[in-house]
N, C-alpha and C. Protein backbone atom coordinates (compact mmCIF):
# COMPACT_ATOMS: atom_id res chain seq x y z
N MET A 1 -12.05 -7.97 7.75
CA MET A 1 -12.19 -7.41 6.43
C MET A 1 -12.28 -8.56 5.44
N GLY A 2 -13.18 -8.44 4.50
CA GLY A 2 -13.35 -9.46 3.49
C GLY A 2 -12.36 -9.31 2.35
N LEU A 3 -12.33 -10.29 1.49
CA LEU A 3 -11.41 -10.30 0.36
C LEU A 3 -11.67 -9.12 -0.56
N PHE A 4 -12.93 -8.82 -0.82
CA PHE A 4 -13.27 -7.71 -1.70
C PHE A 4 -12.79 -6.39 -1.12
N SER A 5 -12.90 -6.22 0.17
CA SER A 5 -12.42 -4.99 0.82
C SER A 5 -10.91 -4.86 0.70
N TRP A 6 -10.19 -5.96 0.86
CA TRP A 6 -8.73 -5.93 0.70
C TRP A 6 -8.35 -5.55 -0.72
N ILE A 7 -9.07 -6.07 -1.71
CA ILE A 7 -8.77 -5.76 -3.10
C ILE A 7 -9.02 -4.28 -3.39
N ILE A 8 -10.16 -3.75 -2.94
CA ILE A 8 -10.47 -2.33 -3.16
C ILE A 8 -9.46 -1.44 -2.43
N LEU A 9 -9.17 -1.76 -1.18
CA LEU A 9 -8.19 -0.98 -0.41
C LEU A 9 -6.82 -1.07 -1.07
N GLY A 10 -6.45 -2.25 -1.55
CA GLY A 10 -5.16 -2.42 -2.22
C GLY A 10 -5.07 -1.62 -3.50
N LEU A 11 -6.14 -1.61 -4.28
CA LEU A 11 -6.14 -0.85 -5.52
C LEU A 11 -6.03 0.65 -5.25
N LEU A 12 -6.79 1.14 -4.28
CA LEU A 12 -6.73 2.57 -3.94
C LEU A 12 -5.36 2.97 -3.39
N SER A 13 -4.86 2.21 -2.45
CA SER A 13 -3.58 2.59 -1.83
C SER A 13 -2.42 2.40 -2.79
N GLY A 14 -2.45 1.37 -3.62
CA GLY A 14 -1.40 1.18 -4.61
C GLY A 14 -1.38 2.30 -5.63
N ALA A 15 -2.55 2.72 -6.09
CA ALA A 15 -2.62 3.82 -7.06
C ALA A 15 -2.14 5.13 -6.44
N LEU A 16 -2.54 5.40 -5.20
CA LEU A 16 -2.09 6.64 -4.54
C LEU A 16 -0.59 6.62 -4.29
N ALA A 17 -0.05 5.47 -3.92
CA ALA A 17 1.40 5.38 -3.68
C ALA A 17 2.17 5.58 -4.98
N ARG A 18 1.65 5.03 -6.08
CA ARG A 18 2.32 5.21 -7.37
C ARG A 18 2.30 6.67 -7.80
N LEU A 19 1.26 7.40 -7.44
CA LEU A 19 1.20 8.82 -7.78
C LEU A 19 2.20 9.64 -6.99
N MET A 20 2.55 9.20 -5.78
CA MET A 20 3.47 9.95 -4.92
C MET A 20 4.93 9.72 -5.27
N VAL A 21 5.24 8.66 -5.99
CA VAL A 21 6.63 8.32 -6.28
C VAL A 21 7.09 9.08 -7.53
N PRO A 22 8.16 9.85 -7.42
CA PRO A 22 8.60 10.63 -8.58
C PRO A 22 9.20 9.75 -9.70
N GLU A 23 9.66 8.58 -9.37
CA GLU A 23 10.23 7.66 -10.35
C GLU A 23 9.13 7.16 -11.28
N VAL A 24 9.45 7.06 -12.55
CA VAL A 24 8.47 6.54 -13.50
C VAL A 24 8.43 5.03 -13.33
N TYR A 25 7.30 4.53 -12.90
CA TYR A 25 7.12 3.11 -12.65
C TYR A 25 5.83 2.70 -13.31
N THR A 26 5.92 1.90 -14.35
CA THR A 26 4.72 1.47 -15.04
C THR A 26 4.37 0.06 -14.61
N ALA A 27 3.14 -0.12 -14.27
CA ALA A 27 2.64 -1.44 -13.87
C ALA A 27 1.15 -1.47 -14.18
N GLY A 28 0.64 -2.65 -14.34
CA GLY A 28 -0.77 -2.81 -14.62
C GLY A 28 -1.60 -2.75 -13.36
N ILE A 29 -2.88 -2.94 -13.54
CA ILE A 29 -3.81 -2.85 -12.42
C ILE A 29 -3.60 -3.99 -11.43
N PHE A 30 -3.21 -5.17 -11.92
CA PHE A 30 -2.96 -6.30 -11.03
C PHE A 30 -1.75 -6.03 -10.14
N ALA A 31 -0.65 -5.55 -10.73
CA ALA A 31 0.55 -5.25 -9.95
C ALA A 31 0.30 -4.12 -8.96
N THR A 32 -0.49 -3.13 -9.37
CA THR A 32 -0.83 -2.03 -8.48
C THR A 32 -1.65 -2.52 -7.29
N THR A 33 -2.60 -3.43 -7.55
CA THR A 33 -3.42 -3.98 -6.47
C THR A 33 -2.57 -4.81 -5.51
N ILE A 34 -1.67 -5.63 -6.04
CA ILE A 34 -0.79 -6.44 -5.18
C ILE A 34 0.10 -5.51 -4.35
N LEU A 35 0.63 -4.46 -4.98
CA LEU A 35 1.43 -3.48 -4.25
C LEU A 35 0.63 -2.88 -3.10
N GLY A 36 -0.62 -2.53 -3.35
CA GLY A 36 -1.45 -1.94 -2.31
C GLY A 36 -1.79 -2.90 -1.19
N ILE A 37 -2.05 -4.16 -1.54
CA ILE A 37 -2.37 -5.16 -0.50
C ILE A 37 -1.15 -5.41 0.38
N VAL A 38 0.02 -5.56 -0.24
CA VAL A 38 1.25 -5.74 0.54
C VAL A 38 1.51 -4.48 1.37
N GLY A 39 1.26 -3.32 0.77
CA GLY A 39 1.42 -2.07 1.50
C GLY A 39 0.47 -1.97 2.68
N ALA A 40 -0.75 -2.47 2.52
CA ALA A 40 -1.71 -2.46 3.63
C ALA A 40 -1.21 -3.35 4.77
N LEU A 41 -0.64 -4.48 4.43
CA LEU A 41 -0.09 -5.36 5.47
C LEU A 41 1.08 -4.68 6.18
N VAL A 42 1.97 -4.06 5.40
CA VAL A 42 3.12 -3.37 5.99
C VAL A 42 2.65 -2.17 6.83
N GLY A 43 1.72 -1.39 6.28
CA GLY A 43 1.20 -0.23 7.00
C GLY A 43 0.48 -0.62 8.28
N GLY A 44 -0.29 -1.71 8.22
CA GLY A 44 -0.97 -2.20 9.42
C GLY A 44 0.01 -2.66 10.49
N PHE A 45 1.09 -3.31 10.04
CA PHE A 45 2.12 -3.76 10.98
C PHE A 45 2.81 -2.56 11.63
N ILE A 46 3.19 -1.59 10.80
CA ILE A 46 3.86 -0.39 11.32
C ILE A 46 2.93 0.38 12.27
N GLY A 47 1.66 0.49 11.89
CA GLY A 47 0.70 1.19 12.73
C GLY A 47 0.49 0.52 14.07
N SER A 48 0.47 -0.82 14.07
CA SER A 48 0.28 -1.52 15.34
C SER A 48 1.53 -1.48 16.20
N VAL A 49 2.71 -1.47 15.59
CA VAL A 49 3.95 -1.39 16.35
C VAL A 49 4.06 -0.03 17.05
N PHE A 50 3.71 1.04 16.34
CA PHE A 50 3.82 2.38 16.91
C PHE A 50 2.56 2.83 17.66
N GLY A 51 1.56 1.98 17.72
CA GLY A 51 0.35 2.29 18.46
C GLY A 51 -0.57 3.28 17.77
N ILE A 52 -0.41 3.45 16.48
CA ILE A 52 -1.25 4.38 15.72
C ILE A 52 -2.61 3.77 15.42
N GLY A 53 -2.63 2.51 15.12
CA GLY A 53 -3.86 1.82 14.76
C GLY A 53 -3.54 0.66 13.84
N SER A 54 -4.56 0.11 13.23
CA SER A 54 -4.35 -1.00 12.30
C SER A 54 -5.37 -0.89 11.17
N ILE A 55 -5.26 -1.78 10.22
CA ILE A 55 -6.17 -1.81 9.09
C ILE A 55 -7.46 -2.49 9.55
N THR A 56 -8.55 -1.72 9.60
CA THR A 56 -9.80 -2.25 10.14
C THR A 56 -10.91 -2.34 9.10
N GLY A 57 -10.75 -1.73 7.96
CA GLY A 57 -11.80 -1.76 6.94
C GLY A 57 -11.58 -0.64 5.95
N LEU A 58 -12.61 -0.35 5.19
CA LEU A 58 -12.52 0.73 4.21
C LEU A 58 -12.87 2.06 4.89
N ASN A 59 -11.88 2.65 5.54
CA ASN A 59 -12.05 3.96 6.16
C ASN A 59 -10.78 4.78 5.95
N LEU A 60 -10.81 6.04 6.31
CA LEU A 60 -9.68 6.92 6.03
C LEU A 60 -8.42 6.53 6.80
N GLY A 61 -8.56 6.08 8.02
CA GLY A 61 -7.39 5.66 8.80
C GLY A 61 -6.69 4.47 8.17
N SER A 62 -7.47 3.50 7.74
CA SER A 62 -6.90 2.31 7.09
C SER A 62 -6.28 2.69 5.75
N LEU A 63 -6.94 3.57 5.01
CA LEU A 63 -6.40 4.00 3.72
C LEU A 63 -5.08 4.75 3.92
N PHE A 64 -5.02 5.60 4.94
CA PHE A 64 -3.78 6.33 5.22
C PHE A 64 -2.64 5.37 5.55
N LEU A 65 -2.89 4.42 6.44
CA LEU A 65 -1.84 3.46 6.79
C LEU A 65 -1.43 2.60 5.60
N SER A 66 -2.38 2.19 4.78
CA SER A 66 -2.04 1.34 3.65
C SER A 66 -1.29 2.11 2.57
N VAL A 67 -1.59 3.40 2.39
CA VAL A 67 -0.84 4.20 1.43
C VAL A 67 0.59 4.40 1.91
N ILE A 68 0.78 4.65 3.19
CA ILE A 68 2.13 4.78 3.74
C ILE A 68 2.90 3.47 3.55
N GLY A 69 2.26 2.36 3.85
CA GLY A 69 2.91 1.05 3.66
C GLY A 69 3.21 0.78 2.20
N ALA A 70 2.29 1.09 1.30
CA ALA A 70 2.53 0.88 -0.14
C ALA A 70 3.64 1.78 -0.64
N PHE A 71 3.70 3.00 -0.14
CA PHE A 71 4.78 3.91 -0.51
C PHE A 71 6.13 3.34 -0.08
N ILE A 72 6.21 2.80 1.12
CA ILE A 72 7.45 2.20 1.61
C ILE A 72 7.84 0.99 0.76
N VAL A 73 6.86 0.13 0.47
CA VAL A 73 7.13 -1.06 -0.35
C VAL A 73 7.59 -0.66 -1.75
N LEU A 74 6.92 0.30 -2.36
CA LEU A 74 7.30 0.75 -3.70
C LEU A 74 8.67 1.40 -3.70
N PHE A 75 8.96 2.21 -2.70
CA PHE A 75 10.28 2.84 -2.61
C PHE A 75 11.38 1.79 -2.48
N LEU A 76 11.16 0.79 -1.63
CA LEU A 76 12.16 -0.27 -1.48
C LEU A 76 12.29 -1.09 -2.75
N PHE A 77 11.18 -1.34 -3.43
CA PHE A 77 11.24 -2.09 -4.69
C PHE A 77 12.05 -1.35 -5.74
N ILE A 78 11.81 -0.06 -5.87
CA ILE A 78 12.56 0.73 -6.86
C ILE A 78 14.03 0.85 -6.46
N LYS A 79 14.28 0.99 -5.17
CA LYS A 79 15.66 1.15 -4.68
C LYS A 79 16.50 -0.12 -4.90
N PHE A 80 15.90 -1.30 -4.70
CA PHE A 80 16.67 -2.53 -4.73
C PHE A 80 16.38 -3.43 -5.93
N LYS A 81 15.67 -2.91 -6.93
CA LYS A 81 15.39 -3.75 -8.10
C LYS A 81 16.67 -3.93 -8.91
N PRO A 82 16.80 -5.09 -9.53
CA PRO A 82 18.01 -5.32 -10.34
C PRO A 82 18.00 -4.40 -11.57
N LYS A 83 19.19 -3.94 -11.91
CA LYS A 83 19.30 -3.00 -13.04
C LYS A 83 19.75 -3.67 -14.28
């Protein structure tokens, strides 16, 4: 996957993960993209560990795994952020 594909996948998965979180979390487009890229890495790792698959490109399977990973990363960030 190229850099542009990672950025697009990160933006999509970060935005979808932010929509699923009930906590009000405001961040810009850059932070959302970084959240999605990190989520794609986490989702790809989790998918490969459980034998589900991995992040292979801009397709529905990769988007699903990256949204799950971004949701986990965002949940952990909100849970453990300093107050």
